[in-house]
């Protein structure tokens, strides 16, 4: 989802900011489970594949996992073959992060809070 905000002052000067944020388009049936959330050191992630299984194909697809900070900068990106894995977040700053898991042409997102 892209959000655009335009602000102007009484002198006529204006500025526009555009921000793209991950958005869960799975219709409320998000197969991504994160714990603990908020997290300090490690985030455990479970991708519950049975909720989105595609009966038309039997091909196993890898999961591309991306973690972005509040400025939409990628701080972690890795391909996983397993549907359960952990991410060490102990070196990340306190804040809100967006986890995006891509499988084939489908994307799923979850918000993660890191607090120290």
C-alpha atoms as a PDB file:
ATOM      1  CA  UNK A   1       0.000   0.000   0.000  1.00  0.00           C
ATOM      2  CA  UNK A   2       1.312   3.460  -0.840  1.00  0.00           C
ATOM      3  CA  UNK A   3       0.468   6.461   1.305  1.00  0.00           C
ATOM      4  CA  UNK A   4       0.966  10.005  -0.011  1.00  0.00           C
ATOM      5  CA  UNK A   5       0.792  13.075   2.215  1.00  0.00           C
ATOM      6  CA  UNK A   6       1.031  16.636   0.959  1.00  0.00           C
ATOM      7  CA  UNK A   7       1.413  19.563   3.345  1.00  0.00           C
ATOM      8  CA  UNK A   8       1.494  23.261   2.550  1.00  0.00           C
ATOM      9  CA  UNK A   9       1.964  26.358   4.649  1.00  0.00           C
ATOM     10  CA  UNK A  10       0.408  29.843   4.455  1.00  0.00           C
ATOM     11  CA  UNK A  11       3.308  31.090   2.291  1.00  0.00           C
ATOM     12  CA  UNK A  12       2.398  28.616  -0.435  1.00  0.00           C
ATOM     13  CA  UNK A  13       5.341  26.261   0.059  1.00  0.00           C
ATOM     14  CA  UNK A  14       4.449  22.588  -0.004  1.00  0.00           C
ATOM     15  CA  UNK A  15       6.068  19.213   0.400  1.00  0.00           C
ATOM     16  CA  UNK A  16       4.962  15.727  -0.455  1.00  0.00           C
ATOM     17  CA  UNK A  17       5.979  12.488   1.228  1.00  0.00           C
ATOM     18  CA  UNK A  18       5.311   9.065  -0.264  1.00  0.00           C
ATOM     19  CA  UNK A  19       5.663   5.918   1.839  1.00  0.00           C
ATOM     20  CA  UNK A  20       5.121   2.307   0.800  1.00  0.00           C
ATOM     21  CA  UNK A  21       4.223  -0.056   3.621  1.00  0.00           C
ATOM     22  CA  UNK A  22       3.687  -3.806   3.565  1.00  0.00           C
ATOM     23  CA  UNK A  23       0.043  -4.773   3.685  1.00  0.00           C
ATOM     24  CA  UNK A  24      -1.574  -8.129   4.358  1.00  0.00           C
ATOM     25  CA  UNK A  25      -3.728  -8.976   1.360  1.00  0.00           C
ATOM     26  CA  UNK A  26      -4.633 -12.425   2.605  1.00  0.00           C
ATOM     27  CA  UNK A  27      -8.167 -11.432   3.569  1.00  0.00           C
ATOM     28  CA  UNK A  28      -7.695 -11.719   7.327  1.00  0.00           C
ATOM     29  CA  UNK A  29      -6.480 -15.310   7.178  1.00  0.00           C
ATOM     30  CA  UNK A  30      -2.818 -14.518   7.796  1.00  0.00           C
ATOM     31  CA  UNK A  31      -0.728 -17.695   8.041  1.00  0.00           C
ATOM     32  CA  UNK A  32       2.202 -15.817   9.659  1.00  0.00           C
ATOM     33  CA  UNK A  33       2.511 -16.320  13.426  1.00  0.00           C
ATOM     34  CA  UNK A  34       5.151 -14.351  15.363  1.00  0.00           C
ATOM     35  CA  UNK A  35       6.232 -14.833  18.977  1.00  0.00           C
ATOM     36  CA  UNK A  36       7.149 -13.203  21.187  1.00  0.00           C
ATOM     37  CA  UNK A  37       5.805  -9.903  19.989  1.00  0.00           C
ATOM     38  CA  UNK A  38       7.126  -7.515  21.337  1.00  0.00           C
ATOM     39  CA  UNK A  39      10.550  -9.181  21.188  1.00  0.00           C
ATOM     40  CA  UNK A  40      13.971  -8.433  22.658  1.00  0.00           C
ATOM     41  CA  UNK A  41      16.458 -10.955  21.309  1.00  0.00           C
ATOM     42  CA  UNK A  42      14.855 -13.540  19.046  1.00  0.00           C
ATOM     43  CA  UNK A  43      11.644 -13.665  17.022  1.00  0.00           C
ATOM     44  CA  UNK A  44      10.173 -17.096  16.300  1.00  0.00           C
ATOM     45  CA  UNK A  45       8.177 -17.307  13.110  1.00  0.00           C
ATOM     46  CA  UNK A  46       5.781 -19.997  12.000  1.00  0.00           C
ATOM     47  CA  UNK A  47       4.309 -19.961   8.520  1.00  0.00           C
ATOM     48  CA  UNK A  48       1.179 -22.099   8.642  1.00  0.00           C
ATOM     49  CA  UNK A  49       1.240 -23.319   5.098  1.00  0.00           C
ATOM     50  CA  UNK A  50      -1.925 -25.422   5.267  1.00  0.00           C
ATOM     51  CA  UNK A  51      -4.029 -22.246   5.398  1.00  0.00           C
ATOM     52  CA  UNK A  52      -2.911 -21.181   1.929  1.00  0.00           C
ATOM     53  CA  UNK A  53      -2.081 -24.470   0.241  1.00  0.00           C
ATOM     54  CA  UNK A  54      -2.658 -24.500  -3.481  1.00  0.00           C
ATOM     55  CA  UNK A  55      -4.116 -27.812  -4.576  1.00  0.00           C
ATOM     56  CA  UNK A  56      -3.295 -27.065  -8.239  1.00  0.00           C
ATOM     57  CA  UNK A  57       0.441 -27.421  -7.668  1.00  0.00           C
ATOM     58  CA  UNK A  58       2.415 -29.803  -5.532  1.00  0.00           C
ATOM     59  CA  UNK A  59       5.701 -27.935  -6.025  1.00  0.00           C
ATOM     60  CA  UNK A  60       7.410 -26.838  -2.810  1.00  0.00           C
ATOM     61  CA  UNK A  61       8.424 -23.205  -2.899  1.00  0.00           C
ATOM     62  CA  UNK A  62      10.973 -21.474  -0.709  1.00  0.00           C
ATOM     63  CA  UNK A  63       9.924 -18.614   1.548  1.00  0.00           C
ATOM     64  CA  UNK A  64      11.605 -15.263   0.989  1.00  0.00           C
ATOM     65  CA  UNK A  65      11.650 -13.482   4.332  1.00  0.00           C
ATOM     66  CA  UNK A  66      12.227  -9.732   4.532  1.00  0.00           C
ATOM     67  CA  UNK A  67      12.258  -7.588   7.653  1.00  0.00           C
ATOM     68  CA  UNK A  68      11.962  -3.821   7.136  1.00  0.00           C
ATOM     69  CA  UNK A  69      12.310  -1.029   9.669  1.00  0.00           C
ATOM     70  CA  UNK A  70       9.921   1.900  10.090  1.00  0.00           C
ATOM     71  CA  UNK A  71      11.730   3.754   7.293  1.00  0.00           C
ATOM     72  CA  UNK A  72      11.033   0.880   4.879  1.00  0.00           C
ATOM     73  CA  UNK A  73      14.713  -0.086   4.787  1.00  0.00           C
ATOM     74  CA  UNK A  74      15.474  -3.796   4.583  1.00  0.00           C
ATOM     75  CA  UNK A  75      17.353  -4.937   7.703  1.00  0.00           C
ATOM     76  CA  UNK A  76      17.050  -8.694   7.072  1.00  0.00           C
ATOM     77  CA  UNK A  77      16.447 -10.765   3.952  1.00  0.00           C
ATOM     78  CA  UNK A  78      16.869 -14.499   3.629  1.00  0.00           C
ATOM     79  CA  UNK A  79      15.377 -17.487   1.840  1.00  0.00           C
ATOM     80  CA  UNK A  80      14.044 -20.247   4.088  1.00  0.00           C
ATOM     81  CA  UNK A  81      13.043 -23.772   3.137  1.00  0.00           C
ATOM     82  CA  UNK A  82      11.448 -24.461   6.519  1.00  0.00           C
ATOM     83  CA  UNK A  83       8.093 -23.033   7.634  1.00  0.00           C
ATOM     84  CA  UNK A  84       9.435 -22.506  11.176  1.00  0.00           C
ATOM     85  CA  UNK A  85      12.504 -20.387  11.844  1.00  0.00           C
ATOM     86  CA  UNK A  86      13.931 -17.708  14.129  1.00  0.00           C
ATOM     87  CA  UNK A  87      15.469 -14.299  13.497  1.00  0.00           C
ATOM     88  CA  UNK A  88      18.027 -12.855  15.910  1.00  0.00           C
ATOM     89  CA  UNK A  89      16.898  -9.260  16.503  1.00  0.00           C
ATOM     90  CA  UNK A  90      19.196  -8.489  19.445  1.00  0.00           C
ATOM     91  CA  UNK A  91      21.235  -6.059  17.332  1.00  0.00           C
ATOM     92  CA  UNK A  92      18.206  -4.149  16.047  1.00  0.00           C
ATOM     93  CA  UNK A  93      17.062  -0.854  17.521  1.00  0.00           C
ATOM     94  CA  UNK A  94      13.824  -0.550  19.459  1.00  0.00           C
ATOM     95  CA  UNK A  95      10.964   0.166  17.082  1.00  0.00           C
ATOM     96  CA  UNK A  96       8.314  -1.155  14.746  1.00  0.00           C
ATOM     97  CA  UNK A  97       9.347  -3.520  11.986  1.00  0.00           C
ATOM     98  CA  UNK A  98       7.424  -5.142   9.147  1.00  0.00           C
ATOM     99  CA  UNK A  99       7.938  -8.808   8.355  1.00  0.00           C
ATOM    100  CA  UNK A 100       7.077  -9.832   4.821  1.00  0.00           C
ATOM    101  CA  UNK A 101       7.012 -13.446   3.686  1.00  0.00           C
ATOM    102  CA  UNK A 102       6.780 -14.143  -0.023  1.00  0.00           C
ATOM    103  CA  UNK A 103       5.854 -17.572  -1.359  1.00  0.00           C
ATOM    104  CA  UNK A 104       5.491 -17.734  -5.099  1.00  0.00           C
ATOM    105  CA  UNK A 105       3.364 -14.752  -6.110  1.00  0.00           C
ATOM    106  CA  UNK A 106       1.720 -14.364  -2.678  1.00  0.00           C
ATOM    107  CA  UNK A 107       2.897 -11.971   0.031  1.00  0.00           C
ATOM    108  CA  UNK A 108       2.028 -11.976   3.715  1.00  0.00           C
ATOM    109  CA  UNK A 109       2.965  -9.343   6.290  1.00  0.00           C
ATOM    110  CA  UNK A 110       3.073  -9.016  10.030  1.00  0.00           C
ATOM    111  CA  UNK A 111       4.099  -6.146  12.286  1.00  0.00           C
ATOM    112  CA  UNK A 112       6.852  -6.876  14.798  1.00  0.00           C
ATOM    113  CA  UNK A 113       7.723  -4.668  17.758  1.00  0.00           C
ATOM    114  CA  UNK A 114      11.266  -4.784  19.117  1.00  0.00           C
ATOM    115  CA  UNK A 115      11.702  -3.403  22.625  1.00  0.00           C
ATOM    116  CA  UNK A 116      14.850  -3.465  24.731  1.00  0.00           C
END
